[in-house]
């Protein structure tokens, strides 16, 4: 059976992990229905501003997003978590999507590059907070049934804080699945397990009513 928790944590070497400077993948943009809702950072979402959702970069990170097909670029601030659709790496506001000329297509192949300004140090090389201390209770479990994937990200630096945030936000301790996708390590935070898909779908509908997102997955198919 698949093991949902398969990572190795080395506290003494966390500072050696560096963020990748660039990332390529699919970008999408928010629907207008999200206007006025709170983002994961606590900011109120505004589709007319230049912000974005990313599953691992720290909030307030400034990134340059370039449309590979036409070369158009835009700079946005990360203030939310997502996207939840498979193979997508960033969700942009409609204002940013206009700059990239991707409103009609809905998605675009992009390159996301972390940038810096004169007022801040290079975010790409920030180490985790040395003052953070976590009590870790890790158990291997069998991947049976269904789950709701609520977040995914690439960097172990974010793992503990994201687990705590999900537990507080969703009132449930998430499972963690670690895998390698296209040569990159991916960590998924998953609610569950649920005995059947119907049970997971009912739970997801309740989350949707609270303005939360997620994706029902089959645990046996995780790899």
Foldseek 3Di string as FASTA:
>chain_A
DDWQDDDDDDVVCQLVDFADQKDKWKEFEDDPVQAQPAALQRDGDDLQAWAKAFQDQDFQFWKWKAFPVPGFIDIHTYRHHDDADPGHGMYTRVNRCVRNVCPVVRMGIIMIGTDDDPVDDRSRNDGADPPDDDDDDDDIDDQAAKWWWQGKDQGPSCVPVVQVSCCVVVVARWTWHWDADPNTIMITTIDDDDHYPVVNVVVQVVCVVVVGHTDMDRRVPDD
